[in-house]
Protein backbone atom coordinates (compact mmCIF):
# COMPACT_ATOMS: atom_id res chain seq x y z
CA MET A 1 62.48 102.14 107.46
CA SER A 2 64.57 103.40 104.57
CA LEU A 3 67.57 101.30 103.25
CA LEU A 4 70.08 104.62 103.37
CA ASP A 5 69.50 107.49 105.73
CA VAL A 6 71.59 110.64 105.38
CA SER A 7 70.88 113.21 108.05
CA ASN A 8 72.93 116.60 108.74
CA LEU A 9 75.91 115.34 107.45
CA ARG A 10 78.89 117.96 107.06
CA LYS A 11 82.21 117.56 106.17
CA VAL A 12 85.05 120.21 106.35
CA TYR A 13 88.82 119.67 105.22
CA THR A 14 91.61 121.56 106.62
CA THR A 15 94.41 122.59 104.38
CA ARG A 16 97.84 121.23 104.59
CA PHE A 17 99.09 123.55 107.07
CA GLY A 18 96.04 124.33 109.23
CA ASN A 19 95.42 127.94 107.76
CA ASN A 20 92.32 127.77 106.16
CA GLN A 21 89.02 125.24 106.31
CA VAL A 22 87.01 124.27 103.25
CA GLU A 23 83.49 122.83 103.55
CA ALA A 24 82.84 120.24 101.12
CA LEU A 25 79.49 118.96 102.43
CA ARG A 26 77.16 120.95 104.67
CA ASN A 27 73.48 119.87 106.15
CA VAL A 28 73.31 117.39 103.51
CA ASN A 29 69.85 115.22 104.29
CA PHE A 30 68.12 112.38 102.07
CA SER A 31 67.17 108.95 102.24
CA VAL A 32 67.35 105.94 99.81
CA GLU A 33 64.48 103.34 99.34
CA GLN A 34 65.53 99.61 98.96
CA GLY A 35 65.49 99.20 94.99
CA GLU A 36 65.88 102.41 94.37
CA TYR A 37 68.54 103.76 91.44
CA VAL A 38 69.78 107.34 92.55
CA ALA A 39 71.93 109.20 90.43
CA VAL A 40 73.70 112.07 91.92
CA MET A 41 74.90 115.24 90.11
CA GLY A 42 76.81 118.41 89.96
CA GLU A 43 79.89 119.84 88.89
CA SER A 44 83.25 119.65 89.75
CA GLY A 45 83.53 120.86 93.50
CA SER A 46 80.20 120.13 94.49
CA GLY A 47 80.69 117.72 96.91
CA LYS A 48 79.35 114.62 95.12
CA THR A 49 82.65 112.66 95.28
CA THR A 50 83.17 113.51 98.99
CA LEU A 51 79.64 112.22 99.18
CA LEU A 52 80.68 109.07 97.79
CA ASN A 53 83.16 108.49 99.35
CA ILE A 54 81.29 108.90 102.83
CA LEU A 55 78.45 106.26 101.63
CA ALA A 56 81.67 103.97 101.04
CA ALA A 57 82.82 104.36 104.52
CA LEU A 58 86.23 105.39 102.70
CA ASP A 59 85.93 108.93 104.72
CA LYS A 60 84.62 110.15 107.82
CA PRO A 61 82.15 112.84 107.88
CA THR A 62 83.20 116.09 110.24
CA GLY A 63 79.49 115.85 111.57
CA GLY A 64 76.05 113.68 110.64
CA ASP A 65 74.92 110.00 110.43
CA VAL A 66 74.99 107.84 107.72
CA LEU A 67 72.62 104.69 108.44
CA LEU A 68 72.58 101.38 106.55
CA GLU A 69 69.93 99.42 107.38
CA GLY A 70 69.94 101.26 110.55
CA ARG A 71 73.45 100.89 111.74
CA ASN A 72 75.39 103.88 111.62
CA ILE A 73 78.29 103.67 109.35
CA VAL A 74 80.27 106.61 110.73
CA SER A 75 80.67 104.63 114.21
CA ILE A 76 82.00 101.86 112.76
CA ARG A 77 85.43 100.93 114.31
CA GLU A 78 88.71 101.33 112.03
CA HIS A 79 89.72 97.95 111.83
CA GLU A 80 86.04 96.47 111.25
CA LEU A 81 85.03 99.11 107.82
CA ALA A 82 87.18 96.54 105.40
CA ALA A 83 84.65 93.79 106.07
CA PHE A 84 82.20 95.83 106.45
CA ARG A 85 82.56 97.27 103.08
CA ARG A 86 82.67 93.42 101.59
CA GLN A 87 79.96 92.14 103.03
CA ASN A 88 77.59 95.26 102.79
CA LEU A 89 78.64 97.46 99.44
CA GLY A 90 79.72 97.13 95.97
CA PHE A 91 81.72 99.39 94.27
CA VAL A 92 81.79 99.99 90.34
CA PHE A 93 84.38 102.82 89.14
CA GLN A 94 85.23 104.76 86.33
CA ASP A 95 88.94 102.92 85.57
CA PHE A 96 87.80 99.55 86.61
CA ASN A 97 90.38 98.77 89.47
CA LEU A 98 91.01 95.49 87.97
CA LEU A 99 94.52 93.45 88.52
CA ASP A 100 96.28 92.51 85.36
CA ILE A 101 98.00 90.03 87.09
CA PHE A 102 94.75 88.03 87.99
CA SER A 103 92.09 86.61 85.14
CA VAL A 104 88.25 88.04 84.81
CA LYS A 105 87.25 85.36 87.00
CA ASP A 106 89.68 86.08 89.90
CA ASN A 107 89.21 89.39 90.08
CA ILE A 108 85.33 88.51 90.08
CA PHE A 109 85.61 86.45 93.34
CA LEU A 110 88.37 88.71 95.18
CA PRO A 111 85.71 90.04 97.78
CA LEU A 112 84.53 86.53 98.21
CA VAL A 113 88.42 85.54 98.64
CA LEU A 114 89.01 87.99 100.97
CA SER A 115 85.97 87.42 103.34
CA LYS A 116 87.17 83.49 103.12
CA ARG A 117 84.44 81.80 101.55
CA PRO A 118 84.69 78.67 100.06
CA VAL A 119 85.53 77.83 96.35
CA SER A 120 82.20 75.48 96.42
CA GLU A 121 80.42 78.91 96.88
CA MET A 122 81.85 81.31 94.77
CA GLU A 123 81.71 78.87 91.60
CA GLU A 124 78.08 78.63 92.43
CA ARG A 125 77.83 82.44 92.68
CA ILE A 126 79.77 83.19 89.52
CA GLN A 127 77.33 81.40 86.98
CA PRO A 128 74.39 83.11 87.19
CA ILE A 129 76.04 86.59 87.00
CA ALA A 130 78.33 85.85 83.98
CA LYS A 131 75.62 84.67 82.41
CA LYS A 132 73.42 87.72 83.09
CA LEU A 133 76.59 90.12 82.56
CA GLN A 134 77.61 88.35 79.34
CA ILE A 135 80.88 87.26 80.38
CA GLU A 136 80.76 83.63 79.84
CA ASP A 137 83.36 83.40 77.25
CA ILE A 138 85.97 85.87 79.00
CA LEU A 139 86.06 84.45 82.52
CA TYR A 140 89.92 83.17 82.02
CA LYS A 141 91.55 86.05 80.22
CA PHE A 142 92.95 88.73 81.93
CA PRO A 143 92.20 92.59 81.91
CA TYR A 144 94.43 93.43 79.24
CA GLU A 145 93.07 90.78 76.69
CA ILE A 146 89.36 92.35 77.01
CA SER A 147 87.85 95.74 76.13
CA GLY A 148 86.59 98.41 78.31
CA GLY A 149 82.99 97.52 78.19
CA GLN A 150 83.96 94.10 79.17
CA LYS A 151 86.43 95.51 82.07
CA GLN A 152 83.20 97.50 83.15
CA ARG A 153 81.06 94.69 83.27
CA THR A 154 83.43 92.46 85.01
CA ALA A 155 83.79 95.22 87.84
CA ILE A 156 79.98 94.59 87.76
CA ALA A 157 80.15 91.78 88.48
CA ARG A 158 82.70 91.61 91.28
CA ALA A 159 80.31 94.35 92.64
CA LEU A 160 77.48 91.91 92.50
CA ILE A 161 79.02 88.35 93.98
CA SER A 162 78.83 89.52 97.44
CA ASP A 163 75.15 90.36 97.24
CA PRO A 164 75.37 94.14 98.59
CA LYS A 165 72.70 95.87 100.22
CA LEU A 166 73.90 98.98 98.01
CA ILE A 167 75.92 99.29 95.24
CA LEU A 168 77.71 102.62 94.55
CA ALA A 169 78.85 103.51 90.88
CA ASP A 170 81.43 106.25 90.22
CA GLU A 171 81.18 107.72 86.86
CA PRO A 172 80.78 104.19 85.46
CA THR A 173 80.48 105.40 82.07
CA GLY A 174 83.53 107.70 81.86
CA ALA A 175 85.85 105.79 80.33
CA LEU A 176 83.54 104.38 77.84
CA ASP A 177 82.46 105.03 74.20
CA SER A 178 78.78 105.34 73.49
CA ARG A 179 78.00 102.21 72.73
CA SER A 180 79.48 100.62 75.48
CA SER A 181 78.02 103.48 77.86
CA ASP A 182 74.57 102.56 76.58
CA GLN A 183 75.24 98.84 77.22
CA LEU A 184 76.50 99.15 80.52
CA LEU A 185 73.27 101.49 81.70
CA ASN A 186 71.10 98.75 80.21
CA LEU A 187 72.65 96.19 82.41
CA PHE A 188 72.18 98.59 85.44
CA GLY A 189 68.57 98.80 84.35
CA ARG A 190 68.06 95.09 84.80
CA ILE A 191 70.10 94.77 87.77
CA ASN A 192 67.76 97.37 89.45
CA GLU A 193 64.78 95.52 88.17
CA ASP A 194 66.09 92.53 90.09
CA ARG A 195 65.62 95.09 93.40
CA GLN A 196 69.53 95.69 93.38
CA THR A 197 69.80 99.53 95.33
CA ILE A 198 72.28 101.77 93.47
CA VAL A 199 73.61 105.08 93.79
CA MET A 200 75.30 106.73 91.17
CA VAL A 201 77.41 109.91 90.69
CA THR A 202 77.91 110.82 87.04
CA HIS A 203 78.54 113.71 85.22
CA SER A 204 76.63 112.83 81.87
CA ALA A 205 72.90 113.26 81.71
CA ARG A 206 71.99 110.66 79.39
CA ALA A 207 73.30 108.17 82.44
CA ALA A 208 71.36 110.14 84.79
CA SER A 209 68.42 109.97 83.14
CA ARG A 210 68.13 106.03 83.17
CA ALA A 211 67.75 106.21 87.26
CA GLY A 212 64.79 106.72 89.26
CA ARG A 213 65.72 109.95 91.08
CA VAL A 214 68.32 112.48 90.54
CA LEU A 215 69.89 114.71 93.18
CA PHE A 216 71.49 117.64 92.24
CA ILE A 217 74.64 118.80 94.63
CA LYS A 218 75.76 122.41 94.73
CA ASP A 219 78.30 124.05 97.02
CA GLY A 220 78.16 120.82 99.38
CA GLU A 221 74.09 120.87 99.60
CA VAL A 222 71.22 118.97 97.80
CA PHE A 223 70.10 121.60 95.66
CA HIS A 224 67.25 119.94 93.61
CA GLN A 225 65.71 116.41 93.27
CA ILE A 226 63.85 115.13 90.41
CA TYR A 227 61.95 111.97 90.06
CA ARG A 228 61.23 109.63 87.08
CA GLY A 229 57.76 108.97 87.81
CA GLY A 230 56.12 107.57 84.69
CA SER A 231 58.64 109.45 82.79
CA SER A 232 60.31 108.13 79.53
CA ASP A 233 64.51 108.49 79.25
CA ASP A 234 63.98 111.20 76.81
CA SER A 235 61.35 112.82 79.26
CA MET A 236 63.50 112.02 82.15
CA TYR A 237 66.99 113.33 80.27
CA GLN A 238 65.17 117.08 79.35
CA LYS A 239 63.91 117.55 82.82
CA ILE A 240 67.71 116.72 83.97
CA SER A 241 68.72 119.08 81.24
CA ASP A 242 66.34 121.54 82.81
CA ALA A 243 67.05 121.42 86.11
CA TRP A 244 71.17 121.59 85.59
CA SER A 245 70.83 124.83 83.58
CA LEU A 246 68.70 126.27 86.68
CA LEU A 247 71.79 124.47 88.74
CA MET A 248 74.57 126.34 86.74
CA THR A 249 72.70 129.55 86.49
CA GLY A 250 72.15 130.10 90.32
CA GLY A 251 68.39 129.50 90.50
CA GLU A 252 66.65 129.04 93.83
CA ARG A 253 67.33 125.78 96.18
CA HIS A 254 64.45 123.35 95.54
CA VAL A 255 64.70 120.22 97.27
């Protein structure tokens, strides 16, 4: 069984006054295996952010199912969703979503604090993560005192601290310069080597070229996908660029 199974997913939004309906997703089907690193690409308005929000249990689909280790997150009751997200999902966002009134360390601890884990467990969990992400020397600083790259590494540490089944990343390199982006993507690669499953939404072909598979979304559907296989990052980048050109010029859907 796959870690994540998405089947017949559909999302329809009704406009404010109920006069029109917008179909953001239709008939979306794919699965993600344990330990996979999948990038999702598509132009603005393609439905990729809607898809990520549904995978994150932040939005409900109009139809279809999303199974995480066999559990349908679509049917989870509202009052259980926050605990489900804390226990199963890690989030990395473009704008970091750090709290300036908390130190780096306390920001990382936040999911465990909300889950009422003992302090001794928090301290034990943070040490190997801080070492891997090279943030040991900034744990007692505040977000406004550190660089964008350090903020994103803090956000990754916060995502990893609860040992999630799945990390969801939304444009994680979007607010970073090229050097910090490369460092972040190198970290994602090392994290994935430890069998951490990652689904990343990105506009960047360079970021997507680090993934093992890329899904292309167009007009609310999975339009095309490519697999890394034995390709290098440069070869994967070329594959993505070719597929993006196909996407932009209205080529035939191929999944």
